[in-house]
Amino acid sequence: MARRLLLVDDEPAIIKGLKFSLEQDGYEILTAADGGEALEQFHNNPVDLILLDVMLPVMDGIEVCQRIREQSNVPIIMLTAKGEDMDKILGLEYGADDYMTKPFNILEVKARIKTILRRMGVPQSKEESNTLSVHDLCVNQDLRSVTLRGQEVNLTAKEFDMLYLFITNRGKVYSREQLLEALWGNEYAGDLRTVDVHIRRLREKIEPTPSKPEYILTKWGVGYYFTDK
């Protein structure tokens, strides 16, 4: 079954070019020209990934991203014509998995999409699932689900990948550069603060007291690690 993508941009030329190129790679493409239409498409059609422009009429991409994140972990790549770091970090703050600055190369777009979808994996049956239990956390690799003291934790795709990397390498300290390479890939040219943003968001979701973390710890001057105690 073809992967279904939702493209959201108010520039017809961008939508037309992306739609044509991605359909050539076998993707099924849905489109929206404003934030309201994007949410309508999302609610009416299950999608595997969303390419979401920041500057949109009716409702901007940041608010669309935030609303989607309230109910879904579908991967979201933000598209922005702005180059300021804070705009990029802001998009990630609200749950985006990645961002790209316009103008972008279509080959890079395709590479980012493939990387994220590959990391999402294909859910399997519970009988075939692979679960790791660490402290109060249960992490199911096949179903890509996380529970904390029996309660489901709503993680983004990138947050799940980060948590899984940490718990399968407990005690190993990762620098921010190593985390960027492992989770975003060599093609990613973003700011190191992206790692800090995701660490903070992950701590807010799994730590009993995020300001005094017990699981994901900081090795000052080096990086981050998951406790092996």
N, C-alpha and C. Protein backbone atom coordinates (compact mmCIF):
# COMPACT_ATOMS: atom_id res chain seq x y z
N MET A 1 0.84 -1.20 0.00
CA MET A 1 0.00 0.00 0.00
C MET A 1 0.88 1.25 0.00
N ALA A 2 0.53 2.21 -0.85
CA ALA A 2 1.34 3.42 -0.96
C ALA A 2 1.24 4.26 0.30
N ARG A 3 2.35 4.87 0.67
CA ARG A 3 2.35 5.80 1.79
C ARG A 3 1.60 7.07 1.38
N ARG A 4 0.79 7.59 2.30
CA ARG A 4 0.01 8.79 2.00
C ARG A 4 0.61 9.98 2.74
N LEU A 5 0.90 11.04 1.98
CA LEU A 5 1.47 12.25 2.54
C LEU A 5 0.49 13.41 2.37
N LEU A 6 0.52 14.33 3.34
CA LEU A 6 -0.27 15.55 3.25
C LEU A 6 0.67 16.73 3.06
N LEU A 7 0.52 17.46 1.95
CA LEU A 7 1.33 18.64 1.66
C LEU A 7 0.50 19.88 1.95
N VAL A 8 1.03 20.77 2.80
CA VAL A 8 0.29 21.97 3.18
C VAL A 8 1.13 23.20 2.87
N ASP A 9 0.70 23.99 1.88
CA ASP A 9 1.42 25.20 1.49
C ASP A 9 0.46 26.08 0.70
N ASP A 10 0.59 27.39 0.86
CA ASP A 10 -0.31 28.29 0.14
C ASP A 10 0.28 28.76 -1.19
N GLU A 11 1.43 28.22 -1.57
CA GLU A 11 2.03 28.56 -2.86
C GLU A 11 1.74 27.44 -3.86
N PRO A 12 0.86 27.67 -4.83
CA PRO A 12 0.48 26.62 -5.78
C PRO A 12 1.67 25.98 -6.50
N ALA A 13 2.68 26.77 -6.81
CA ALA A 13 3.83 26.23 -7.54
C ALA A 13 4.58 25.19 -6.70
N ILE A 14 4.70 25.47 -5.40
CA ILE A 14 5.39 24.52 -4.52
C ILE A 14 4.58 23.23 -4.40
N ILE A 15 3.27 23.37 -4.18
CA ILE A 15 2.41 22.20 -4.08
C ILE A 15 2.47 21.36 -5.36
N LYS A 16 2.38 22.04 -6.50
CA LYS A 16 2.38 21.33 -7.78
C LYS A 16 3.69 20.57 -7.98
N GLY A 17 4.83 21.24 -7.71
CA GLY A 17 6.13 20.60 -7.90
C GLY A 17 6.35 19.43 -6.96
N LEU A 18 6.03 19.64 -5.66
CA LEU A 18 6.21 18.56 -4.69
C LEU A 18 5.29 17.38 -5.00
N LYS A 19 4.04 17.68 -5.31
CA LYS A 19 3.07 16.62 -5.59
C LYS A 19 3.52 15.77 -6.77
N PHE A 20 3.95 16.43 -7.85
CA PHE A 20 4.38 15.68 -9.04
C PHE A 20 5.59 14.80 -8.71
N SER A 21 6.60 15.38 -8.05
CA SER A 21 7.83 14.64 -7.78
C SER A 21 7.59 13.47 -6.82
N LEU A 22 6.78 13.68 -5.79
CA LEU A 22 6.55 12.62 -4.81
C LEU A 22 5.65 11.52 -5.37
N GLU A 23 4.72 11.88 -6.23
CA GLU A 23 3.89 10.86 -6.87
C GLU A 23 4.73 9.98 -7.78
N GLN A 24 5.79 10.54 -8.37
CA GLN A 24 6.69 9.74 -9.19
C GLN A 24 7.40 8.67 -8.36
N ASP A 25 7.53 8.90 -7.07
CA ASP A 25 8.17 7.93 -6.17
C ASP A 25 7.15 6.98 -5.55
N GLY A 26 5.91 7.07 -5.98
CA GLY A 26 4.90 6.11 -5.53
C GLY A 26 4.08 6.54 -4.32
N TYR A 27 4.25 7.77 -3.86
CA TYR A 27 3.45 8.24 -2.72
C TYR A 27 2.06 8.68 -3.19
N GLU A 28 1.08 8.49 -2.32
CA GLU A 28 -0.25 9.08 -2.53
C GLU A 28 -0.25 10.44 -1.86
N ILE A 29 -0.67 11.46 -2.57
CA ILE A 29 -0.54 12.84 -2.09
C ILE A 29 -1.90 13.51 -1.88
N LEU A 30 -2.07 14.08 -0.69
CA LEU A 30 -3.19 14.97 -0.40
C LEU A 30 -2.62 16.37 -0.24
N THR A 31 -3.40 17.39 -0.53
CA THR A 31 -2.89 18.76 -0.43
C THR A 31 -3.88 19.66 0.31
N ALA A 32 -3.33 20.74 0.85
CA ALA A 32 -4.14 21.77 1.51
C ALA A 32 -3.43 23.10 1.34
N ALA A 33 -4.21 24.18 1.19
CA ALA A 33 -3.64 25.49 0.92
C ALA A 33 -3.70 26.44 2.11
N ASP A 34 -4.34 26.00 3.20
CA ASP A 34 -4.37 26.84 4.40
C ASP A 34 -4.49 25.95 5.63
N GLY A 35 -4.35 26.56 6.82
CA GLY A 35 -4.35 25.77 8.04
C GLY A 35 -5.66 25.06 8.32
N GLY A 36 -6.77 25.74 8.03
CA GLY A 36 -8.07 25.12 8.26
C GLY A 36 -8.28 23.90 7.38
N GLU A 37 -7.91 24.02 6.11
CA GLU A 37 -8.05 22.90 5.18
C GLU A 37 -7.11 21.76 5.58
N ALA A 38 -5.93 22.10 6.10
CA ALA A 38 -4.98 21.08 6.54
C ALA A 38 -5.58 20.22 7.65
N LEU A 39 -6.20 20.87 8.65
CA LEU A 39 -6.82 20.11 9.74
C LEU A 39 -7.98 19.27 9.24
N GLU A 40 -8.75 19.81 8.30
CA GLU A 40 -9.87 19.05 7.74
C GLU A 40 -9.37 17.80 7.02
N GLN A 41 -8.31 17.95 6.21
CA GLN A 41 -7.73 16.80 5.52
C GLN A 41 -7.20 15.77 6.52
N PHE A 42 -6.53 16.27 7.56
CA PHE A 42 -5.95 15.38 8.57
C PHE A 42 -7.04 14.58 9.29
N HIS A 43 -8.14 15.24 9.65
CA HIS A 43 -9.21 14.57 10.37
C HIS A 43 -9.97 13.57 9.50
N ASN A 44 -10.02 13.82 8.20
CA ASN A 44 -10.81 12.97 7.31
C ASN A 44 -10.01 11.87 6.62
N ASN A 45 -8.68 11.97 6.66
CA ASN A 45 -7.86 11.01 5.92
C ASN A 45 -6.63 10.63 6.74
N PRO A 46 -6.44 9.35 7.06
CA PRO A 46 -5.21 8.95 7.73
C PRO A 46 -4.01 9.18 6.83
N VAL A 47 -2.95 9.77 7.37
CA VAL A 47 -1.75 10.05 6.58
C VAL A 47 -0.53 9.52 7.32
N ASP A 48 0.54 9.27 6.57
CA ASP A 48 1.77 8.74 7.15
C ASP A 48 2.78 9.83 7.50
N LEU A 49 2.65 11.00 6.86
CA LEU A 49 3.59 12.09 7.11
C LEU A 49 2.98 13.39 6.59
N ILE A 50 3.31 14.52 7.24
CA ILE A 50 2.80 15.82 6.82
C ILE A 50 3.97 16.77 6.55
N LEU A 51 3.96 17.40 5.39
CA LEU A 51 4.86 18.51 5.07
C LEU A 51 4.05 19.78 5.29
N LEU A 52 4.45 20.60 6.27
CA LEU A 52 3.61 21.69 6.75
C LEU A 52 4.34 23.02 6.72
N ASP A 53 3.85 23.95 5.90
CA ASP A 53 4.44 25.28 5.82
C ASP A 53 4.11 26.07 7.09
N VAL A 54 5.03 26.90 7.53
CA VAL A 54 4.81 27.70 8.74
C VAL A 54 3.85 28.86 8.46
N MET A 55 4.09 29.60 7.38
CA MET A 55 3.28 30.78 7.07
C MET A 55 2.09 30.39 6.21
N LEU A 56 0.91 30.29 6.85
CA LEU A 56 -0.31 29.88 6.14
C LEU A 56 -1.45 30.84 6.46
N PRO A 57 -2.38 31.00 5.52
CA PRO A 57 -3.59 31.77 5.83
C PRO A 57 -4.53 30.96 6.72
N VAL A 58 -5.50 31.64 7.30
CA VAL A 58 -6.53 31.07 8.19
C VAL A 58 -5.94 30.66 9.53
N MET A 59 -4.93 29.81 9.52
CA MET A 59 -4.27 29.34 10.75
C MET A 59 -2.83 28.98 10.39
N ASP A 60 -1.85 29.51 11.15
CA ASP A 60 -0.47 29.26 10.76
C ASP A 60 -0.05 27.82 11.07
N GLY A 61 1.07 27.43 10.46
CA GLY A 61 1.53 26.06 10.58
C GLY A 61 1.88 25.65 12.00
N ILE A 62 2.35 26.59 12.83
CA ILE A 62 2.69 26.27 14.21
C ILE A 62 1.44 25.82 14.96
N GLU A 63 0.34 26.55 14.79
CA GLU A 63 -0.90 26.18 15.47
C GLU A 63 -1.45 24.86 14.92
N VAL A 64 -1.35 24.67 13.61
CA VAL A 64 -1.79 23.40 13.03
C VAL A 64 -1.00 22.24 13.63
N CYS A 65 0.31 22.42 13.71
CA CYS A 65 1.19 21.38 14.28
C CYS A 65 0.78 21.08 15.72
N GLN A 66 0.55 22.13 16.49
CA GLN A 66 0.19 21.96 17.89
C GLN A 66 -1.13 21.20 18.04
N ARG A 67 -2.11 21.52 17.22
CA ARG A 67 -3.41 20.85 17.30
C ARG A 67 -3.31 19.38 16.90
N ILE A 68 -2.51 19.11 15.87
CA ILE A 68 -2.34 17.72 15.45
C ILE A 68 -1.64 16.93 16.54
N ARG A 69 -0.64 17.55 17.18
CA ARG A 69 0.11 16.86 18.23
C ARG A 69 -0.74 16.52 19.45
N GLU A 70 -1.83 17.20 19.63
CA GLU A 70 -2.72 16.91 20.75
C GLU A 70 -3.40 15.55 20.61
N GLN A 71 -3.38 14.99 19.39
CA GLN A 71 -4.08 13.73 19.17
C GLN A 71 -3.35 12.73 18.30
N SER A 72 -2.17 13.09 17.79
CA SER A 72 -1.49 12.17 16.88
C SER A 72 0.02 12.35 16.92
N ASN A 73 0.74 11.25 16.66
CA ASN A 73 2.20 11.28 16.55
C ASN A 73 2.67 11.24 15.10
N VAL A 74 1.77 11.49 14.15
CA VAL A 74 2.17 11.45 12.74
C VAL A 74 3.38 12.35 12.53
N PRO A 75 4.40 11.88 11.80
CA PRO A 75 5.59 12.72 11.56
C PRO A 75 5.24 14.01 10.83
N ILE A 76 5.84 15.12 11.27
CA ILE A 76 5.60 16.42 10.66
C ILE A 76 6.93 17.08 10.32
N ILE A 77 7.10 17.48 9.06
CA ILE A 77 8.25 18.26 8.63
C ILE A 77 7.77 19.68 8.36
N MET A 78 8.31 20.65 9.09
CA MET A 78 7.92 22.04 8.91
C MET A 78 8.70 22.65 7.75
N LEU A 79 8.02 23.46 6.94
CA LEU A 79 8.64 24.18 5.84
C LEU A 79 8.56 25.67 6.16
N THR A 80 9.68 26.36 6.07
CA THR A 80 9.69 27.78 6.41
C THR A 80 10.56 28.57 5.46
N ALA A 81 10.11 29.76 5.12
CA ALA A 81 10.91 30.66 4.29
C ALA A 81 11.83 31.50 5.13
N LYS A 82 11.67 31.41 6.44
CA LYS A 82 12.50 32.19 7.34
C LYS A 82 13.73 31.40 7.74
N GLY A 83 14.83 32.12 8.00
CA GLY A 83 16.06 31.44 8.36
C GLY A 83 16.47 31.59 9.80
N GLU A 84 15.70 32.35 10.59
CA GLU A 84 16.09 32.59 11.97
C GLU A 84 16.01 31.31 12.79
N ASP A 85 17.02 31.08 13.65
CA ASP A 85 17.06 29.88 14.46
C ASP A 85 15.82 29.74 15.33
N MET A 86 15.31 30.84 15.88
CA MET A 86 14.19 30.75 16.79
C MET A 86 12.93 30.25 16.08
N ASP A 87 12.78 30.59 14.81
CA ASP A 87 11.64 30.07 14.07
C ASP A 87 11.74 28.55 13.94
N LYS A 88 12.96 28.08 13.70
CA LYS A 88 13.15 26.64 13.55
C LYS A 88 12.92 25.93 14.88
N ILE A 89 13.49 26.47 15.94
CA ILE A 89 13.32 25.86 17.26
C ILE A 89 11.86 25.90 17.66
N LEU A 90 11.16 26.99 17.34
CA LEU A 90 9.76 27.12 17.70
C LEU A 90 8.94 26.01 17.06
N GLY A 91 9.23 25.71 15.80
CA GLY A 91 8.52 24.62 15.14
C GLY A 91 8.74 23.30 15.85
N LEU A 92 9.97 23.04 16.28
CA LEU A 92 10.27 21.80 16.98
C LEU A 92 9.67 21.79 18.38
N GLU A 93 9.58 22.97 19.01
CA GLU A 93 8.98 23.08 20.34
C GLU A 93 7.55 22.54 20.33
N TYR A 94 6.84 22.76 19.25
CA TYR A 94 5.44 22.36 19.19
C TYR A 94 5.25 20.97 18.62
N GLY A 95 6.32 20.20 18.51
CA GLY A 95 6.18 18.80 18.17
C GLY A 95 6.57 18.39 16.78
N ALA A 96 7.14 19.30 15.97
CA ALA A 96 7.59 18.90 14.63
C ALA A 96 8.78 17.96 14.75
N ASP A 97 8.90 17.06 13.79
CA ASP A 97 10.00 16.09 13.80
C ASP A 97 11.23 16.61 13.06
N ASP A 98 11.03 17.56 12.17
CA ASP A 98 12.14 18.09 11.39
C ASP A 98 11.67 19.40 10.75
N TYR A 99 12.60 20.14 10.15
CA TYR A 99 12.23 21.36 9.44
C TYR A 99 13.14 21.52 8.23
N MET A 100 12.65 22.24 7.23
CA MET A 100 13.44 22.57 6.06
C MET A 100 13.17 24.02 5.71
N THR A 101 14.24 24.72 5.32
CA THR A 101 14.12 26.13 4.97
C THR A 101 14.03 26.29 3.45
N LYS A 102 13.05 27.07 3.01
CA LYS A 102 12.92 27.36 1.57
C LYS A 102 13.99 28.35 1.14
N PRO A 103 14.46 28.27 -0.10
CA PRO A 103 14.12 27.23 -1.08
C PRO A 103 14.86 25.94 -0.77
N PHE A 104 14.24 24.80 -1.04
CA PHE A 104 14.85 23.52 -0.74
C PHE A 104 15.00 22.69 -2.01
N ASN A 105 15.88 21.71 -1.92
CA ASN A 105 16.12 20.79 -3.03
C ASN A 105 15.16 19.61 -2.90
N ILE A 106 14.46 19.26 -3.97
CA ILE A 106 13.47 18.19 -3.91
C ILE A 106 14.12 16.86 -3.51
N LEU A 107 15.37 16.66 -3.92
CA LEU A 107 16.05 15.42 -3.54
C LEU A 107 16.27 15.36 -2.03
N GLU A 108 16.55 16.52 -1.42
CA GLU A 108 16.71 16.55 0.03
C GLU A 108 15.37 16.29 0.72
N VAL A 109 14.31 16.86 0.18
CA VAL A 109 12.97 16.61 0.73
C VAL A 109 12.67 15.11 0.71
N LYS A 110 12.93 14.47 -0.41
CA LYS A 110 12.67 13.04 -0.52
C LYS A 110 13.52 12.24 0.47
N ALA A 111 14.77 12.66 0.64
CA ALA A 111 15.65 11.96 1.57
C ALA A 111 15.15 12.08 3.01
N ARG A 112 14.70 13.28 3.39
CA ARG A 112 14.17 13.49 4.75
C ARG A 112 12.92 12.64 4.98
N ILE A 113 12.04 12.61 3.97
CA ILE A 113 10.81 11.82 4.09
C ILE A 113 11.14 10.34 4.27
N LYS A 114 12.03 9.83 3.44
CA LYS A 114 12.39 8.41 3.52
C LYS A 114 13.02 8.07 4.86
N THR A 115 13.88 8.97 5.36
CA THR A 115 14.54 8.72 6.64
C THR A 115 13.52 8.63 7.77
N ILE A 116 12.59 9.57 7.81
CA ILE A 116 11.60 9.58 8.88
C ILE A 116 10.66 8.39 8.79
N LEU A 117 10.18 8.07 7.59
CA LEU A 117 9.27 6.93 7.44
C LEU A 117 9.98 5.62 7.78
N ARG A 118 11.25 5.52 7.43
CA ARG A 118 12.00 4.31 7.75
C ARG A 118 12.13 4.15 9.25
N ARG A 119 12.38 5.25 9.95
CA ARG A 119 12.52 5.18 11.40
C ARG A 119 11.19 4.90 12.10
N MET A 120 10.09 5.28 11.44
CA MET A 120 8.78 4.98 12.02
C MET A 120 8.51 3.49 12.05
N GLY A 121 9.02 2.77 11.07
CA GLY A 121 8.84 1.32 11.03
C GLY A 121 7.41 0.94 10.67
N VAL A 122 7.15 -0.37 10.68
CA VAL A 122 5.82 -0.91 10.37
C VAL A 122 5.30 -1.61 11.61
N PRO A 123 4.18 -1.15 12.17
CA PRO A 123 3.63 -1.79 13.37
C PRO A 123 3.31 -3.26 13.12
N GLN A 124 3.60 -4.11 14.11
CA GLN A 124 3.31 -5.52 14.01
C GLN A 124 2.29 -5.88 15.08
N SER A 125 1.88 -7.14 15.09
CA SER A 125 0.90 -7.57 16.07
C SER A 125 1.53 -7.59 17.46
N LYS A 126 0.67 -7.59 18.47
CA LYS A 126 1.17 -7.60 19.85
C LYS A 126 1.96 -8.87 20.14
N GLU A 127 1.55 -9.98 19.49
CA GLU A 127 2.25 -11.24 19.71
C GLU A 127 3.69 -11.18 19.21
N GLU A 128 3.92 -10.34 18.20
CA GLU A 128 5.25 -10.23 17.62
C GLU A 128 6.02 -9.05 18.20
N SER A 129 5.40 -8.37 19.15
CA SER A 129 5.99 -7.13 19.65
C SER A 129 7.24 -7.37 20.47
N ASN A 130 8.02 -6.33 20.60
CA ASN A 130 9.28 -6.38 21.33
C ASN A 130 9.26 -5.27 22.37
N THR A 131 9.13 -5.65 23.64
CA THR A 131 8.96 -4.67 24.70
C THR A 131 10.14 -4.66 25.64
N LEU A 132 10.60 -3.45 25.98
CA LEU A 132 11.65 -3.27 26.97
C LEU A 132 11.05 -2.59 28.18
N SER A 133 11.34 -3.11 29.37
CA SER A 133 10.87 -2.50 30.61
C SER A 133 12.06 -1.96 31.37
N VAL A 134 12.07 -0.66 31.58
CA VAL A 134 13.16 0.02 32.27
C VAL A 134 12.55 0.95 33.32
N HIS A 135 12.86 0.69 34.59
CA HIS A 135 12.27 1.47 35.68
C HIS A 135 10.74 1.41 35.55
N ASP A 136 10.07 2.54 35.46
CA ASP A 136 8.61 2.56 35.34
C ASP A 136 8.16 2.65 33.89
N LEU A 137 9.11 2.56 32.95
CA LEU A 137 8.80 2.71 31.53
C LEU A 137 8.71 1.36 30.83
N CYS A 138 7.74 1.21 29.94
CA CYS A 138 7.65 0.06 29.05
C CYS A 138 7.67 0.60 27.62
N VAL A 139 8.67 0.19 26.84
CA VAL A 139 8.84 0.70 25.49
C VAL A 139 8.71 -0.46 24.51
N ASN A 140 7.74 -0.35 23.63
CA ASN A 140 7.48 -1.38 22.64
C ASN A 140 8.02 -0.92 21.30
N GLN A 141 9.08 -1.56 20.85
CA GLN A 141 9.73 -1.13 19.61
C GLN A 141 8.85 -1.34 18.39
N ASP A 142 8.18 -2.50 18.31
CA ASP A 142 7.40 -2.81 17.12
C ASP A 142 6.16 -1.93 17.00
N LEU A 143 5.49 -1.71 18.13
CA LEU A 143 4.29 -0.88 18.11
C LEU A 143 4.62 0.59 18.30
N ARG A 144 5.90 0.87 18.62
CA ARG A 144 6.36 2.24 18.84
C ARG A 144 5.46 2.95 19.87
N SER A 145 5.26 2.25 20.98
CA SER A 145 4.44 2.80 22.05
C SER A 145 5.24 2.83 23.34
N VAL A 146 4.86 3.76 24.21
CA VAL A 146 5.54 3.92 25.51
C VAL A 146 4.47 4.08 26.58
N THR A 147 4.65 3.36 27.68
CA THR A 147 3.79 3.57 28.83
C THR A 147 4.65 3.89 30.04
N LEU A 148 4.14 4.75 30.90
CA LEU A 148 4.81 5.14 32.12
C LEU A 148 3.88 4.84 33.29
N ARG A 149 4.28 3.88 34.14
CA ARG A 149 3.45 3.41 35.25
C ARG A 149 2.06 3.03 34.75
N GLY A 150 2.03 2.36 33.59
CA GLY A 150 0.79 1.86 33.04
C GLY A 150 0.00 2.85 32.21
N GLN A 151 0.42 4.12 32.18
CA GLN A 151 -0.27 5.14 31.40
C GLN A 151 0.48 5.42 30.09
N GLU A 152 -0.26 5.47 29.00
CA GLU A 152 0.37 5.72 27.70
C GLU A 152 0.99 7.11 27.65
N VAL A 153 2.20 7.18 27.09
CA VAL A 153 2.90 8.45 26.91
C VAL A 153 2.89 8.81 25.44
N ASN A 154 2.44 9.99 25.11
CA ASN A 154 2.31 10.42 23.73
C ASN A 154 3.60 11.07 23.26
N LEU A 155 4.44 10.31 22.55
CA LEU A 155 5.72 10.81 22.05
C LEU A 155 5.66 11.04 20.55
N THR A 156 6.42 12.03 20.07
CA THR A 156 6.59 12.20 18.64
C THR A 156 7.54 11.12 18.13
N ALA A 157 7.62 10.97 16.82
CA ALA A 157 8.51 9.97 16.23
C ALA A 157 9.95 10.19 16.67
N LYS A 158 10.39 11.44 16.66
CA LYS A 158 11.77 11.73 17.03
C LYS A 158 12.01 11.48 18.51
N GLU A 159 11.03 11.83 19.36
CA GLU A 159 11.18 11.59 20.80
C GLU A 159 11.26 10.10 21.09
N PHE A 160 10.46 9.29 20.37
CA PHE A 160 10.53 7.84 20.56
C PHE A 160 11.90 7.32 20.16
N ASP A 161 12.40 7.76 19.00
CA ASP A 161 13.71 7.30 18.54
C ASP A 161 14.80 7.66 19.56
N MET A 162 14.71 8.85 20.12
CA MET A 162 15.70 9.27 21.10
C MET A 162 15.62 8.42 22.36
N LEU A 163 14.41 8.19 22.85
CA LEU A 163 14.24 7.37 24.06
C LEU A 163 14.73 5.94 23.82
N TYR A 164 14.39 5.39 22.66
CA TYR A 164 14.81 4.01 22.37
C TYR A 164 16.33 3.90 22.26
N LEU A 165 16.95 4.89 21.66
CA LEU A 165 18.41 4.90 21.59
C LEU A 165 19.02 4.92 22.98
N PHE A 166 18.47 5.76 23.84
CA PHE A 166 19.00 5.86 25.21
C PHE A 166 18.83 4.56 25.99
N ILE A 167 17.63 3.99 25.98
CA ILE A 167 17.39 2.83 26.85
C ILE A 167 18.06 1.56 26.35
N THR A 168 18.39 1.52 25.06
CA THR A 168 19.13 0.35 24.55
C THR A 168 20.64 0.55 24.66
N ASN A 169 21.05 1.71 25.16
CA ASN A 169 22.48 1.98 25.40
C ASN A 169 22.64 2.68 26.74
N ARG A 170 22.02 2.07 27.79
CA ARG A 170 22.00 2.71 29.10
C ARG A 170 23.42 2.90 29.64
N GLY A 171 23.66 4.09 30.16
CA GLY A 171 24.95 4.43 30.72
C GLY A 171 25.91 5.05 29.72
N LYS A 172 25.62 4.93 28.42
CA LYS A 172 26.48 5.51 27.40
C LYS A 172 26.17 6.99 27.25
N VAL A 173 27.19 7.82 27.29
CA VAL A 173 27.01 9.26 27.16
C VAL A 173 27.10 9.65 25.68
N TYR A 174 26.08 10.37 25.20
CA TYR A 174 26.05 10.85 23.83
C TYR A 174 26.21 12.37 23.81
N SER A 175 27.13 12.84 23.00
CA SER A 175 27.24 14.28 22.81
C SER A 175 26.07 14.74 21.94
N ARG A 176 25.82 16.03 21.90
CA ARG A 176 24.76 16.55 21.07
C ARG A 176 25.05 16.26 19.59
N GLU A 177 26.32 16.34 19.21
CA GLU A 177 26.69 16.05 17.82
C GLU A 177 26.37 14.58 17.48
N GLN A 178 26.66 13.67 18.41
CA GLN A 178 26.39 12.25 18.17
C GLN A 178 24.89 11.98 18.08
N LEU A 179 24.11 12.67 18.91
CA LEU A 179 22.66 12.50 18.85
C LEU A 179 22.08 13.04 17.55
N LEU A 180 22.60 14.18 17.11
CA LEU A 180 22.15 14.73 15.82
C LEU A 180 22.42 13.74 14.69
N GLU A 181 23.60 13.17 14.67
CA GLU A 181 23.97 12.25 13.59
C GLU A 181 23.14 10.97 13.66
N ALA A 182 22.94 10.45 14.89
CA ALA A 182 22.23 9.18 15.05
C ALA A 182 20.75 9.31 14.73
N LEU A 183 20.14 10.44 15.09
CA LEU A 183 18.69 10.58 14.99
C LEU A 183 18.23 11.39 13.80
N TRP A 184 19.05 12.33 13.34
CA TRP A 184 18.65 13.17 12.21
C TRP A 184 19.41 12.81 10.94
N GLY A 185 20.57 12.18 11.08
CA GLY A 185 21.33 11.77 9.92
C GLY A 185 22.35 12.79 9.47
N ASN A 186 23.26 12.36 8.63
CA ASN A 186 24.36 13.22 8.18
C ASN A 186 23.87 14.40 7.35
N GLU A 187 22.68 14.26 6.74
CA GLU A 187 22.20 15.34 5.87
C GLU A 187 21.62 16.50 6.66
N TYR A 188 21.42 16.31 7.95
CA TYR A 188 20.80 17.36 8.76
C TYR A 188 21.81 18.46 9.06
N ALA A 189 21.40 19.70 8.84
CA ALA A 189 22.31 20.83 9.04
C ALA A 189 21.77 21.79 10.09
N GLY A 190 20.95 21.26 11.00
CA GLY A 190 20.32 22.11 12.00
C GLY A 190 21.22 22.48 13.16
N ASP A 191 20.66 23.29 14.05
CA ASP A 191 21.35 23.80 15.22
C ASP A 191 21.43 22.72 16.29
N LEU A 192 22.53 22.70 17.06
CA LEU A 192 22.67 21.74 18.16
C LEU A 192 21.59 21.92 19.21
N ARG A 193 21.01 23.11 19.28
CA ARG A 193 19.96 23.34 20.28
C ARG A 193 18.72 22.48 20.00
N THR A 194 18.61 21.97 18.79
CA THR A 194 17.52 21.05 18.48
C THR A 194 17.54 19.87 19.44
N VAL A 195 18.74 19.36 19.73
CA VAL A 195 18.87 18.24 20.66
C VAL A 195 18.37 18.63 22.04
N ASP A 196 18.78 19.81 22.51
CA ASP A 196 18.36 20.26 23.84
C ASP A 196 16.85 20.39 23.93
N VAL A 197 16.22 20.88 22.87
CA VAL A 197 14.76 21.03 22.84
C VAL A 197 14.10 19.66 23.00
N HIS A 198 14.58 18.66 22.25
CA HIS A 198 13.98 17.34 22.32
C HIS A 198 14.24 16.67 23.66
N ILE A 199 15.43 16.87 24.22
CA ILE A 199 15.72 16.32 25.55
C ILE A 199 14.74 16.90 26.57
N ARG A 200 14.55 18.20 26.51
CA ARG A 200 13.65 18.85 27.48
C ARG A 200 12.22 18.34 27.31
N ARG A 201 11.76 18.25 26.07
CA ARG A 201 10.40 17.77 25.84
C ARG A 201 10.23 16.33 26.30
N LEU A 202 11.24 15.50 26.06
CA LEU A 202 11.17 14.10 26.47
C LEU A 202 11.16 13.99 28.00
N ARG A 203 11.98 14.79 28.65
CA ARG A 203 11.99 14.79 30.12
C ARG A 203 10.62 15.21 30.67
N GLU A 204 10.01 16.19 30.03
CA GLU A 204 8.70 16.66 30.50
C GLU A 204 7.65 15.56 30.43
N LYS A 205 7.85 14.60 29.54
CA LYS A 205 6.85 13.55 29.35
C LYS A 205 7.12 12.29 30.18
N ILE A 206 8.40 12.02 30.53
CA ILE A 206 8.68 10.76 31.21
C ILE A 206 9.27 10.91 32.61
N GLU A 207 9.77 12.09 32.94
CA GLU A 207 10.41 12.27 34.24
C GLU A 207 9.38 12.63 35.32
N PRO A 208 9.47 12.04 36.52
CA PRO A 208 8.58 12.43 37.62
C PRO A 208 8.69 13.92 37.94
N THR A 209 9.94 14.41 37.94
CA THR A 209 10.19 15.84 38.15
C THR A 209 11.17 16.29 37.07
N PRO A 210 10.67 16.86 35.97
CA PRO A 210 11.55 17.20 34.84
C PRO A 210 12.73 18.09 35.20
N SER A 211 12.56 18.97 36.19
CA SER A 211 13.67 19.85 36.57
C SER A 211 14.76 19.10 37.34
N LYS A 212 14.43 17.91 37.84
CA LYS A 212 15.40 17.06 38.53
C LYS A 212 15.31 15.66 37.95
N PRO A 213 15.81 15.49 36.72
CA PRO A 213 15.62 14.22 36.01
C PRO A 213 16.25 13.02 36.72
N GLU A 214 15.57 11.89 36.62
CA GLU A 214 16.05 10.65 37.20
C GLU A 214 16.46 9.63 36.14
N TYR A 215 15.97 9.79 34.92
CA TYR A 215 16.23 8.84 33.85
C TYR A 215 17.26 9.37 32.86
N ILE A 216 16.92 10.46 32.19
CA ILE A 216 17.84 11.05 31.21
C ILE A 216 18.68 12.10 31.93
N LEU A 217 19.94 11.78 32.12
CA LEU A 217 20.83 12.63 32.92
C LEU A 217 21.81 13.39 32.03
N THR A 218 22.34 14.46 32.58
CA THR A 218 23.32 15.29 31.87
C THR A 218 24.71 15.03 32.41
N LYS A 219 25.64 14.76 31.51
CA LYS A 219 27.06 14.71 31.85
C LYS A 219 27.62 16.06 31.45
N TRP A 220 27.79 16.94 32.43
CA TRP A 220 28.12 18.33 32.13
C TRP A 220 29.39 18.44 31.29
N GLY A 221 29.28 19.21 30.21
CA GLY A 221 30.41 19.41 29.31
C GLY A 221 30.59 18.30 28.30
N VAL A 222 29.76 17.25 28.40
CA VAL A 222 29.91 16.11 27.49
C VAL A 222 28.62 15.85 26.71
N GLY A 223 27.54 15.53 27.43
CA GLY A 223 26.31 15.22 26.73
C GLY A 223 25.26 14.64 27.65
N TYR A 224 24.46 13.70 27.12
CA TYR A 224 23.34 13.12 27.84
C TYR A 224 23.45 11.60 27.86
N TYR A 225 22.83 10.98 28.88
CA TYR A 225 22.79 9.52 28.95
C TYR A 225 21.59 9.07 29.77
N PHE A 226 21.20 7.82 29.57
CA PHE A 226 20.10 7.23 30.33
C PHE A 226 20.70 6.43 31.48
N THR A 227 20.23 6.66 32.69
CA THR A 227 20.81 6.02 33.85
C THR A 227 20.81 4.51 33.72
N ASP A 228 21.87 3.87 34.15
CA ASP A 228 21.96 2.41 34.12
C ASP A 228 21.74 1.82 35.50
N LYS A 229 21.29 2.63 36.46
CA LYS A 229 21.05 2.15 37.82
C LYS A 229 19.64 1.63 37.97
